[in-house]
């Protein structure tokens, strides 16, 4: 799986990029057909909750792209929340696919 990381209004360090790649790569274990992961990191200063760090992830899967966008108090928190949301979606896709077969 190819992982593309973009950052707007935010300077992604190599440490942050490595963190993102490590977490997104774990999704490959849930679905080997994932071709690409596009990650967008940004800071949204228009929030009153304090959760102004945003991570958007789009997974390219044949026939069914998946998408998650989550906010956190840190970039790391928003990445973890987005990856968790995608894990849930991948589990749902797998369950539906297995259910149709059976």
PDB file of N, CA and C in Angstrom:
ATOM      1  N   UNK A   1       0.849  -1.177   0.000  1.00  0.00           N
ATOM      2  CA  UNK A   1       0.000   0.000   0.000  1.00  0.00           C
ATOM      3  C   UNK A   1       0.895   1.240   0.000  1.00  0.00           C
ATOM      4  N   UNK A   2       0.553   2.159  -0.863  1.00  0.00           N
ATOM      5  CA  UNK A   2       1.255   3.437  -0.900  1.00  0.00           C
ATOM      6  C   UNK A   2       0.541   4.407   0.052  1.00  0.00           C
ATOM      7  N   UNK A   3       1.312   5.139   0.838  1.00  0.00           N
ATOM      8  CA  UNK A   3       0.742   6.105   1.773  1.00  0.00           C
ATOM      9  C   UNK A   3       1.247   7.493   1.392  1.00  0.00           C
ATOM     10  N   UNK A   4       0.311   8.384   1.127  1.00  0.00           N
ATOM     11  CA  UNK A   4       0.630   9.756   0.734  1.00  0.00           C
ATOM     12  C   UNK A   4       0.173  10.672   1.870  1.00  0.00           C
ATOM     13  N   UNK A   5       1.101  11.462   2.376  1.00  0.00           N
ATOM     14  CA  UNK A   5       0.793  12.358   3.494  1.00  0.00           C
ATOM     15  C   UNK A   5       0.923  13.800   3.032  1.00  0.00           C
ATOM     16  N   UNK A   6      -0.140  14.563   3.243  1.00  0.00           N
ATOM     17  CA  UNK A   6      -0.134  15.987   2.934  1.00  0.00           C
ATOM     18  C   UNK A   6      -0.474  16.747   4.212  1.00  0.00           C
ATOM     19  N   UNK A   7       0.042  17.938   4.321  1.00  0.00           N
ATOM     20  CA  UNK A   7      -0.256  18.775   5.479  1.00  0.00           C
ATOM     21  C   UNK A   7      -0.546  20.197   5.009  1.00  0.00           C
ATOM     22  N   UNK A   8      -1.646  20.742   5.494  1.00  0.00           N
ATOM     23  CA  UNK A   8      -1.971  22.136   5.209  1.00  0.00           C
ATOM     24  C   UNK A   8      -2.033  22.867   6.544  1.00  0.00           C
ATOM     25  N   UNK A   9      -1.512  24.051   6.582  1.00  0.00           N
ATOM     26  CA  UNK A   9      -1.470  24.865   7.809  1.00  0.00           C
ATOM     27  C   UNK A   9      -0.723  24.150   8.930  1.00  0.00           C
ATOM     28  N   UNK A  10       0.134  23.231   8.558  1.00  0.00           N
ATOM     29  CA  UNK A  10       0.823  22.419   9.552  1.00  0.00           C
ATOM     30  C   UNK A  10       2.098  21.879   8.929  1.00  0.00           C
ATOM     31  N   UNK A  11       3.190  21.918   9.666  1.00  0.00           N
ATOM     32  CA  UNK A  11       4.472  21.400   9.195  1.00  0.00           C
ATOM     33  C   UNK A  11       4.657  20.004   9.764  1.00  0.00           C
ATOM     34  N   UNK A  12       4.479  18.994   8.923  1.00  0.00           N
ATOM     35  CA  UNK A  12       4.614  17.608   9.374  1.00  0.00           C
ATOM     36  C   UNK A  12       6.091  17.222   9.418  1.00  0.00           C
ATOM     37  N   UNK A  13       6.581  16.935  10.596  1.00  0.00           N
ATOM     38  CA  UNK A  13       7.967  16.513  10.755  1.00  0.00           C
ATOM     39  C   UNK A  13       8.112  15.056  10.319  1.00  0.00           C
ATOM     40  N   UNK A  14       9.347  14.621  10.165  1.00  0.00           N
ATOM     41  CA  UNK A  14       9.585  13.216   9.818  1.00  0.00           C
ATOM     42  C   UNK A  14       9.039  12.282  10.896  1.00  0.00           C
ATOM     43  N   UNK A  15       9.121  12.706  12.150  1.00  0.00           N
ATOM     44  CA  UNK A  15       8.601  11.910  13.257  1.00  0.00           C
ATOM     45  C   UNK A  15       7.086  11.729  13.120  1.00  0.00           C
ATOM     46  N   UNK A  16       6.385  12.807  12.771  1.00  0.00           N
ATOM     47  CA  UNK A  16       4.930  12.743  12.588  1.00  0.00           C
ATOM     48  C   UNK A  16       4.595  11.858  11.390  1.00  0.00           C
ATOM     49  N   UNK A  17       5.333  12.023  10.292  1.00  0.00           N
ATOM     50  CA  UNK A  17       5.079  11.197   9.104  1.00  0.00           C
ATOM     51  C   UNK A  17       5.288   9.718   9.401  1.00  0.00           C
ATOM     52  N   UNK A  18       6.309   9.405  10.169  1.00  0.00           N
ATOM     53  CA  UNK A  18       6.583   8.010  10.541  1.00  0.00           C
ATOM     54  C   UNK A  18       5.445   7.470  11.412  1.00  0.00           C
ATOM     55  N   UNK A  19       4.981   8.281  12.347  1.00  0.00           N
ATOM     56  CA  UNK A  19       3.863   7.898  13.213  1.00  0.00           C
ATOM     57  C   UNK A  19       2.624   7.585  12.378  1.00  0.00           C
ATOM     58  N   UNK A  20       2.317   8.469  11.428  1.00  0.00           N
ATOM     59  CA  UNK A  20       1.150   8.285  10.561  1.00  0.00           C
ATOM     60  C   UNK A  20       1.292   6.997   9.753  1.00  0.00           C
ATOM     61  N   UNK A  21       2.438   6.819   9.114  1.00  0.00           N
ATOM     62  CA  UNK A  21       2.657   5.613   8.292  1.00  0.00           C
ATOM     63  C   UNK A  21       2.511   4.342   9.115  1.00  0.00           C
ATOM     64  N   UNK A  22       3.090   4.316  10.311  1.00  0.00           N
ATOM     65  CA  UNK A  22       2.993   3.127  11.164  1.00  0.00           C
ATOM     66  C   UNK A  22       1.550   2.771  11.479  1.00  0.00           C
ATOM     67  N   UNK A  23       0.735   3.774  11.769  1.00  0.00           N
ATOM     68  CA  UNK A  23      -0.665   3.512  12.106  1.00  0.00           C
ATOM     69  C   UNK A  23      -1.499   3.140  10.886  1.00  0.00           C
ATOM     70  N   UNK A  24      -1.295   3.820   9.786  1.00  0.00           N
ATOM     71  CA  UNK A  24      -2.089   3.532   8.587  1.00  0.00           C
ATOM     72  C   UNK A  24      -1.717   2.168   8.004  1.00  0.00           C
ATOM     73  N   UNK A  25      -0.441   1.806   8.066  1.00  0.00           N
ATOM     74  CA  UNK A  25      -0.009   0.503   7.542  1.00  0.00           C
ATOM     75  C   UNK A  25      -0.688  -0.662   8.251  1.00  0.00           C
ATOM     76  N   UNK A  26      -1.068  -0.485   9.499  1.00  0.00           N
ATOM     77  CA  UNK A  26      -1.731  -1.545  10.251  1.00  0.00           C
ATOM     78  C   UNK A  26      -3.087  -1.907   9.645  1.00  0.00           C
ATOM     79  N   UNK A  27      -3.674  -0.986   8.893  1.00  0.00           N
ATOM     80  CA  UNK A  27      -4.966  -1.251   8.265  1.00  0.00           C
ATOM     81  C   UNK A  27      -4.842  -2.309   7.169  1.00  0.00           C
ATOM     82  N   UNK A  28      -3.648  -2.442   6.600  1.00  0.00           N
ATOM     83  CA  UNK A  28      -3.404  -3.418   5.539  1.00  0.00           C
ATOM     84  C   UNK A  28      -3.694  -4.841   6.035  1.00  0.00           C
ATOM     85  N   UNK A  29      -3.476  -5.100   7.312  1.00  0.00           N
ATOM     86  CA  UNK A  29      -3.735  -6.430   7.870  1.00  0.00           C
ATOM     87  C   UNK A  29      -5.227  -6.778   7.848  1.00  0.00           C
ATOM     88  N   UNK A  30      -6.082  -5.748   7.841  1.00  0.00           N
ATOM     89  CA  UNK A  30      -7.527  -5.979   7.826  1.00  0.00           C
ATOM     90  C   UNK A  30      -8.082  -6.149   6.421  1.00  0.00           C
ATOM     91  N   UNK A  31      -7.364  -5.612   5.427  1.00  0.00           N
ATOM     92  CA  UNK A  31      -7.808  -5.744   4.043  1.00  0.00           C
ATOM     93  C   UNK A  31      -6.591  -5.613   3.130  1.00  0.00           C
ATOM     94  N   UNK A  32      -6.192  -6.712   2.540  1.00  0.00           N
ATOM     95  CA  UNK A  32      -4.998  -6.731   1.690  1.00  0.00           C
ATOM     96  C   UNK A  32      -5.200  -6.017   0.359  1.00  0.00           C
ATOM     97  N   UNK A  33      -6.446  -5.670   0.037  1.00  0.00           N
ATOM     98  CA  UNK A  33      -6.729  -5.008  -1.239  1.00  0.00           C
ATOM     99  C   UNK A  33      -6.545  -3.497  -1.198  1.00  0.00           C
ATOM    100  N   UNK A  34      -6.203  -2.944  -0.052  1.00  0.00           N
ATOM    101  CA  UNK A  34      -6.000  -1.492   0.037  1.00  0.00           C
ATOM    102  C   UNK A  34      -4.821  -1.124  -0.862  1.00  0.00           C
ATOM    103  N   UNK A  35      -5.087  -0.266  -1.844  1.00  0.00           N
ATOM    104  CA  UNK A  35      -4.043   0.136  -2.787  1.00  0.00           C
ATOM    105  C   UNK A  35      -3.306   1.383  -2.329  1.00  0.00           C
ATOM    106  N   UNK A  36      -4.047   2.300  -1.692  1.00  0.00           N
ATOM    107  CA  UNK A  36      -3.453   3.587  -1.354  1.00  0.00           C
ATOM    108  C   UNK A  36      -4.152   4.185  -0.148  1.00  0.00           C
ATOM    109  N   UNK A  37      -3.378   4.882   0.660  1.00  0.00           N
ATOM    110  CA  UNK A  37      -3.918   5.659   1.767  1.00  0.00           C
ATOM    111  C   UNK A  37      -3.487   7.100   1.606  1.00  0.00           C
ATOM    112  N   UNK A  38      -4.452   7.996   1.511  1.00  0.00           N
ATOM    113  CA  UNK A  38      -4.163   9.431   1.404  1.00  0.00           C
ATOM    114  C   UNK A  38      -4.520  10.078   2.738  1.00  0.00           C
ATOM    115  N   UNK A  39      -3.524  10.728   3.333  1.00  0.00           N
ATOM    116  CA  UNK A  39      -3.694  11.330   4.655  1.00  0.00           C
ATOM    117  C   UNK A  39      -3.513  12.836   4.539  1.00  0.00           C
ATOM    118  N   UNK A  40      -4.467  13.572   5.082  1.00  0.00           N
ATOM    119  CA  UNK A  40      -4.371  15.028   5.126  1.00  0.00           C
ATOM    120  C   UNK A  40      -4.377  15.455   6.587  1.00  0.00           C
ATOM    121  N   UNK A  41      -3.333  16.174   6.978  1.00  0.00           N
ATOM    122  CA  UNK A  41      -3.222  16.701   8.337  1.00  0.00           C
ATOM    123  C   UNK A  41      -3.399  18.211   8.278  1.00  0.00           C
ATOM    124  N   UNK A  42      -4.220  18.746   9.169  1.00  0.00           N
ATOM    125  CA  UNK A  42      -4.401  20.199   9.165  1.00  0.00           C
ATOM    126  C   UNK A  42      -4.804  20.679  10.547  1.00  0.00           C
ATOM    127  N   UNK A  43      -4.631  21.968  10.737  1.00  0.00           N
ATOM    128  CA  UNK A  43      -5.022  22.620  11.984  1.00  0.00           C
ATOM    129  C   UNK A  43      -6.168  23.559  11.654  1.00  0.00           C
ATOM    130  N   UNK A  44      -7.281  23.384  12.364  1.00  0.00           N
ATOM    131  CA  UNK A  44      -8.471  24.199  12.162  1.00  0.00           C
ATOM    132  C   UNK A  44      -8.609  25.125  13.367  1.00  0.00           C
ATOM    133  N   UNK A  45      -8.279  26.379  13.185  1.00  0.00           N
ATOM    134  CA  UNK A  45      -8.327  27.335  14.293  1.00  0.00           C
ATOM    135  C   UNK A  45      -9.733  27.853  14.567  1.00  0.00           C
ATOM    136  N   UNK A  46     -10.713  27.331  13.861  1.00  0.00           N
ATOM    137  CA  UNK A  46     -12.103  27.772  13.979  1.00  0.00           C
ATOM    138  C   UNK A  46     -12.910  26.877  14.914  1.00  0.00           C
ATOM    139  N   UNK A  47     -12.322  26.444  15.983  1.00  0.00           N
ATOM    140  CA  UNK A  47     -13.041  25.532  16.869  1.00  0.00           C
ATOM    141  C   UNK A  47     -13.039  26.057  18.302  1.00  0.00           C
ATOM    142  N   UNK A  48     -14.086  25.748  19.016  1.00  0.00           N
ATOM    143  CA  UNK A  48     -14.177  26.166  20.416  1.00  0.00           C
ATOM    144  C   UNK A  48     -13.935  24.994  21.356  1.00  0.00           C
ATOM    145  N   UNK A  49     -13.794  23.792  20.816  1.00  0.00           N
ATOM    146  CA  UNK A  49     -13.648  22.596  21.642  1.00  0.00           C
ATOM    147  C   UNK A  49     -12.209  22.329  22.059  1.00  0.00           C
ATOM    148  N   UNK A  50     -11.251  22.979  21.412  1.00  0.00           N
ATOM    149  CA  UNK A  50      -9.847  22.704  21.693  1.00  0.00           C
ATOM    150  C   UNK A  50      -9.309  21.559  20.859  1.00  0.00           C
ATOM    151  N   UNK A  51     -10.193  20.857  20.166  1.00  0.00           N
ATOM    152  CA  UNK A  51      -9.784  19.766  19.282  1.00  0.00           C
ATOM    153  C   UNK A  51      -9.642  20.334  17.872  1.00  0.00           C
ATOM    154  N   UNK A  52      -8.541  21.056  17.652  1.00  0.00           N
ATOM    155  CA  UNK A  52      -8.378  21.744  16.385  1.00  0.00           C
ATOM    156  C   UNK A  52      -7.431  21.039  15.414  1.00  0.00           C
ATOM    157  N   UNK A  53      -6.885  19.885  15.797  1.00  0.00           N
ATOM    158  CA  UNK A  53      -6.028  19.117  14.898  1.00  0.00           C
ATOM    159  C   UNK A  53      -6.886  18.096  14.166  1.00  0.00           C
ATOM    160  N   UNK A  54      -6.800  18.103  12.848  1.00  0.00           N
ATOM    161  CA  UNK A  54      -7.663  17.263  12.024  1.00  0.00           C
ATOM    162  C   UNK A  54      -6.824  16.294  11.202  1.00  0.00           C
ATOM    163  N   UNK A  55      -7.295  15.057  11.132  1.00  0.00           N
ATOM    164  CA  UNK A  55      -6.683  14.042  10.278  1.00  0.00           C
ATOM    165  C   UNK A  55      -7.785  13.461   9.405  1.00  0.00           C
ATOM    166  N   UNK A  56      -7.596  13.544   8.091  1.00  0.00           N
ATOM    167  CA  UNK A  56      -8.513  12.938   7.138  1.00  0.00           C
ATOM    168  C   UNK A  56      -7.756  11.831   6.418  1.00  0.00           C
ATOM    169  N   UNK A  57      -8.358  10.652   6.340  1.00  0.00           N
ATOM    170  CA  UNK A  57      -7.727   9.532   5.651  1.00  0.00           C
ATOM    171  C   UNK A  57      -8.713   8.953   4.648  1.00  0.00           C
ATOM    172  N   UNK A  58      -8.236   8.762   3.426  1.00  0.00           N
ATOM    173  CA  UNK A  58      -9.032   8.100   2.390  1.00  0.00           C
ATOM    174  C   UNK A  58      -8.266   6.854   1.965  1.00  0.00           C
ATOM    175  N   UNK A  59      -8.935   5.702   2.041  1.00  0.00           N
ATOM    176  CA  UNK A  59      -8.335   4.444   1.610  1.00  0.00           C
ATOM    177  C   UNK A  59      -8.921   4.048   0.265  1.00  0.00           C
ATOM    178  N   UNK A  60      -8.048   3.802  -0.702  1.00  0.00           N
ATOM    179  CA  UNK A  60      -8.492   3.358  -2.029  1.00  0.00           C
ATOM    180  C   UNK A  60      -8.526   1.832  -2.033  1.00  0.00           C
ATOM    181  N   UNK A  61      -9.748   1.310  -2.156  1.00  0.00           N
ATOM    182  CA  UNK A  61      -9.973  -0.130  -2.203  1.00  0.00           C
ATOM    183  C   UNK A  61     -10.814  -0.395  -3.446  1.00  0.00           C
ATOM    184  N   UNK A  62     -10.484  -1.420  -4.226  1.00  0.00           N
ATOM    185  CA  UNK A  62     -11.273  -1.707  -5.421  1.00  0.00           C
ATOM    186  C   UNK A  62     -12.769  -1.804  -5.114  1.00  0.00           C
ATOM    187  N   UNK A  63     -13.540  -0.974  -5.781  1.00  0.00           N
ATOM    188  CA  UNK A  63     -14.991  -0.999  -5.647  1.00  0.00           C
ATOM    189  C   UNK A  63     -15.557  -0.240  -4.464  1.00  0.00           C
ATOM    190  N   UNK A  64     -14.714   0.189  -3.523  1.00  0.00           N
ATOM    191  CA  UNK A  64     -15.278   0.801  -2.324  1.00  0.00           C
ATOM    192  C   UNK A  64     -14.222   1.585  -1.560  1.00  0.00           C
ATOM    193  N   UNK A  65     -14.075   2.878  -1.828  1.00  0.00           N
ATOM    194  CA  UNK A  65     -13.145   3.703  -1.058  1.00  0.00           C
ATOM    195  C   UNK A  65     -13.750   3.995   0.310  1.00  0.00           C
ATOM    196  N   UNK A  66     -12.893   4.089   1.309  1.00  0.00           N
ATOM    197  CA  UNK A  66     -13.345   4.402   2.661  1.00  0.00           C
ATOM    198  C   UNK A  66     -12.727   5.725   3.091  1.00  0.00           C
ATOM    199  N   UNK A  67     -13.432   6.444   3.967  1.00  0.00           N
ATOM    200  CA  UNK A  67     -12.987   7.777   4.368  1.00  0.00           C
ATOM    201  C   UNK A  67     -13.302   8.002   5.844  1.00  0.00           C
ATOM    202  N   UNK A  68     -12.369   8.648   6.529  1.00  0.00           N
ATOM    203  CA  UNK A  68     -12.600   9.057   7.920  1.00  0.00           C
ATOM    204  C   UNK A  68     -11.926  10.400   8.156  1.00  0.00           C
ATOM    205  N   UNK A  69     -12.590  11.244   8.916  1.00  0.00           N
ATOM    206  CA  UNK A  69     -12.042  12.540   9.312  1.00  0.00           C
ATOM    207  C   UNK A  69     -12.344  12.735  10.785  1.00  0.00           C
ATOM    208  N   UNK A  70     -11.285  12.880  11.578  1.00  0.00           N
ATOM    209  CA  UNK A  70     -11.469  13.031  13.028  1.00  0.00           C
ATOM    210  C   UNK A  70     -10.630  14.179  13.552  1.00  0.00           C
ATOM    211  N   UNK A  71     -11.088  14.749  14.670  1.00  0.00           N
ATOM    212  CA  UNK A  71     -10.412  15.852  15.341  1.00  0.00           C
ATOM    213  C   UNK A  71      -9.806  15.358  16.651  1.00  0.00           C
ATOM    214  N   UNK A  72      -8.751  16.038  17.058  1.00  0.00           N
ATOM    215  CA  UNK A  72      -8.139  15.709  18.337  1.00  0.00           C
ATOM    216  C   UNK A  72      -7.410  16.903  18.904  1.00  0.00           C
ATOM    217  N   UNK A  73      -6.986  16.787  20.144  1.00  0.00           N
ATOM    218  CA  UNK A  73      -6.223  17.864  20.780  1.00  0.00           C
ATOM    219  C   UNK A  73      -4.792  17.885  20.279  1.00  0.00           C
ATOM    220  N   UNK A  74      -4.380  16.778  19.650  1.00  0.00           N
ATOM    221  CA  UNK A  74      -3.055  16.706  19.033  1.00  0.00           C
ATOM    222  C   UNK A  74      -3.212  15.981  17.691  1.00  0.00           C
ATOM    223  N   UNK A  75      -2.201  16.134  16.847  1.00  0.00           N
ATOM    224  CA  UNK A  75      -2.233  15.422  15.568  1.00  0.00           C
ATOM    225  C   UNK A  75      -2.263  13.918  15.828  1.00  0.00           C
ATOM    226  N   UNK A  76      -1.474  13.452  16.793  1.00  0.00           N
ATOM    227  CA  UNK A  76      -1.432  12.017  17.106  1.00  0.00           C
ATOM    228  C   UNK A  76      -2.823  11.500  17.489  1.00  0.00           C
ATOM    229  N   UNK A  77      -3.531  12.245  18.304  1.00  0.00           N
ATOM    230  CA  UNK A  77      -4.875  11.835  18.729  1.00  0.00           C
ATOM    231  C   UNK A  77      -5.820  11.762  17.527  1.00  0.00           C
ATOM    232  N   UNK A  78      -5.750  12.749  16.629  1.00  0.00           N
ATOM    233  CA  UNK A  78      -6.640  12.746  15.473  1.00  0.00           C
ATOM    234  C   UNK A  78      -6.299  11.595  14.515  1.00  0.00           C
ATOM    235  N   UNK A  79      -5.014  11.251  14.401  1.00  0.00           N
ATOM    236  CA  UNK A  79      -4.604  10.119  13.563  1.00  0.00           C
ATOM    237  C   UNK A  79      -5.160   8.823  14.141  1.00  0.00           C
ATOM    238  N   UNK A  80      -4.994   8.629  15.439  1.00  0.00           N
ATOM    239  CA  UNK A  80      -5.471   7.405  16.089  1.00  0.00           C
ATOM    240  C   UNK A  80      -6.991   7.275  15.951  1.00  0.00           C
ATOM    241  N   UNK A  81      -7.715   8.370  16.147  1.00  0.00           N
ATOM    242  CA  UNK A  81      -9.173   8.336  16.012  1.00  0.00           C
ATOM    243  C   UNK A  81      -9.589   7.996  14.577  1.00  0.00           C
ATOM    244  N   UNK A  82      -8.895   8.567  13.591  1.00  0.00           N
ATOM    245  CA  UNK A  82      -9.224   8.297  12.181  1.00  0.00           C
ATOM    246  C   UNK A  82      -8.940   6.845  11.824  1.00  0.00           C
ATOM    247  N   UNK A  83      -7.800   6.332  12.264  1.00  0.00           N
ATOM    248  CA  UNK A  83      -7.448   4.932  11.989  1.00  0.00           C
ATOM    249  C   UNK A  83      -8.460   4.000  12.666  1.00  0.00           C
ATOM    250  N   UNK A  84      -8.862   4.314  13.887  1.00  0.00           N
ATOM    251  CA  UNK A  84      -9.863   3.487  14.577  1.00  0.00           C
ATOM    252  C   UNK A  84     -11.191   3.485  13.823  1.00  0.00           C
ATOM    253  N   UNK A  85     -11.593   4.639  13.301  1.00  0.00           N
ATOM    254  CA  UNK A  85     -12.833   4.717  12.529  1.00  0.00           C
ATOM    255  C   UNK A  85     -12.732   3.860  11.260  1.00  0.00           C
ATOM    256  N   UNK A  86     -11.575   3.876  10.627  1.00  0.00           N
ATOM    257  CA  UNK A  86     -11.386   3.067   9.420  1.00  0.00           C
ATOM    258  C   UNK A  86     -11.342   1.577   9.749  1.00  0.00           C
ATOM    259  N   UNK A  87     -10.773   1.219  10.908  1.00  0.00           N
ATOM    260  CA  UNK A  87     -10.788  -0.193  11.334  1.00  0.00           C
ATOM    261  C   UNK A  87     -12.229  -0.669  11.449  1.00  0.00           C
ATOM    262  N   UNK A  88     -13.059   0.158  12.041  1.00  0.00           N
ATOM    263  CA  UNK A  88     -14.474  -0.187  12.194  1.00  0.00           C
ATOM    264  C   UNK A  88     -15.135  -0.362  10.824  1.00  0.00           C
ATOM    265  N   UNK A  89     -14.854   0.555   9.900  1.00  0.00           N
ATOM    266  CA  UNK A  89     -15.423   0.460   8.556  1.00  0.00           C
ATOM    267  C   UNK A  89     -14.938  -0.797   7.834  1.00  0.00           C
ATOM    268  N   UNK A  90     -13.645  -1.098   7.967  1.00  0.00           N
ATOM    269  CA  UNK A  90     -13.091  -2.293   7.319  1.00  0.00           C
ATOM    270  C   UNK A  90     -13.714  -3.563   7.900  1.00  0.00           C
ATOM    271  N   UNK A  91     -13.927  -3.593   9.206  1.00  0.00           N
ATOM    272  CA  UNK A  91     -14.602  -4.738   9.825  1.00  0.00           C
ATOM    273  C   UNK A  91     -16.018  -4.890   9.274  1.00  0.00           C
ATOM    274  N   UNK A  92     -16.702  -3.765   9.112  1.00  0.00           N
ATOM    275  CA  UNK A  92     -18.060  -3.767   8.589  1.00  0.00           C
ATOM    276  C   UNK A  92     -18.086  -4.277   7.144  1.00  0.00           C
ATOM    277  N   UNK A  93     -17.145  -3.819   6.331  1.00  0.00           N
ATOM    278  CA  UNK A  93     -17.059  -4.269   4.938  1.00  0.00           C
ATOM    279  C   UNK A  93     -16.794  -5.772   4.890  1.00  0.00           C
ATOM    280  N   UNK A  94     -15.867  -6.244   5.729  1.00  0.00           N
ATOM    281  CA  UNK A  94     -15.533  -7.673   5.760  1.00  0.00           C
ATOM    282  C   UNK A  94     -16.734  -8.500   6.210  1.00  0.00           C
ATOM    283  N   UNK A  95     -17.441  -8.046   7.221  1.00  0.00           N
ATOM    284  CA  UNK A  95     -18.608  -8.760   7.720  1.00  0.00           C
ATOM    285  C   UNK A  95     -19.688  -8.854   6.637  1.00  0.00           C
ATOM    286  N   UNK A  96     -19.918  -7.756   5.940  1.00  0.00           N
ATOM    287  CA  UNK A  96     -20.927  -7.762   4.864  1.00  0.00           C
ATOM    288  C   UNK A  96     -20.503  -8.695   3.730  1.00  0.00           C
ATOM    289  N   UNK A  97     -19.222  -8.662   3.379  1.00  0.00           N
ATOM    290  CA  UNK A  97     -18.714  -9.514   2.287  1.00  0.00           C
ATOM    291  C   UNK A  97     -18.825 -10.995   2.680  1.00  0.00           C
ATOM    292  N   UNK A  98     -18.450 -11.318   3.909  1.00  0.00           N
ATOM    293  CA  UNK A  98     -18.545 -12.697   4.383  1.00  0.00           C
ATOM    294  C   UNK A  98     -19.994 -13.160   4.486  1.00  0.00           C
ATOM    295  N   UNK A  99     -20.869 -12.252   4.891  1.00  0.00           N
ATOM    296  CA  UNK A  99     -22.285 -12.577   5.040  1.00  0.00           C
ATOM    297  C   UNK A  99     -22.920 -12.879   3.675  1.00  0.00           C
ATOM    298  N   UNK A 100     -22.518 -12.136   2.660  1.00  0.00           N
ATOM    299  CA  UNK A 100     -23.045 -12.366   1.307  1.00  0.00           C
ATOM    300  C   UNK A 100     -22.571 -13.694   0.745  1.00  0.00           C
ATOM    301  N   UNK A 101     -21.357 -14.106   1.108  1.00  0.00           N
ATOM    302  CA  UNK A 101     -20.808 -15.376   0.620  1.00  0.00           C
ATOM    303  C   UNK A 101     -21.510 -16.562   1.266  1.00  0.00           C
ATOM    304  N   UNK A 102     -21.798 -16.416   2.566  1.00  0.00           N
ATOM    305  CA  UNK A 102     -22.309 -17.537   3.348  1.00  0.00           C
ATOM    306  C   UNK A 102     -23.758 -17.738   3.165  1.00  0.00           C
TER     307      UNK A 102
END
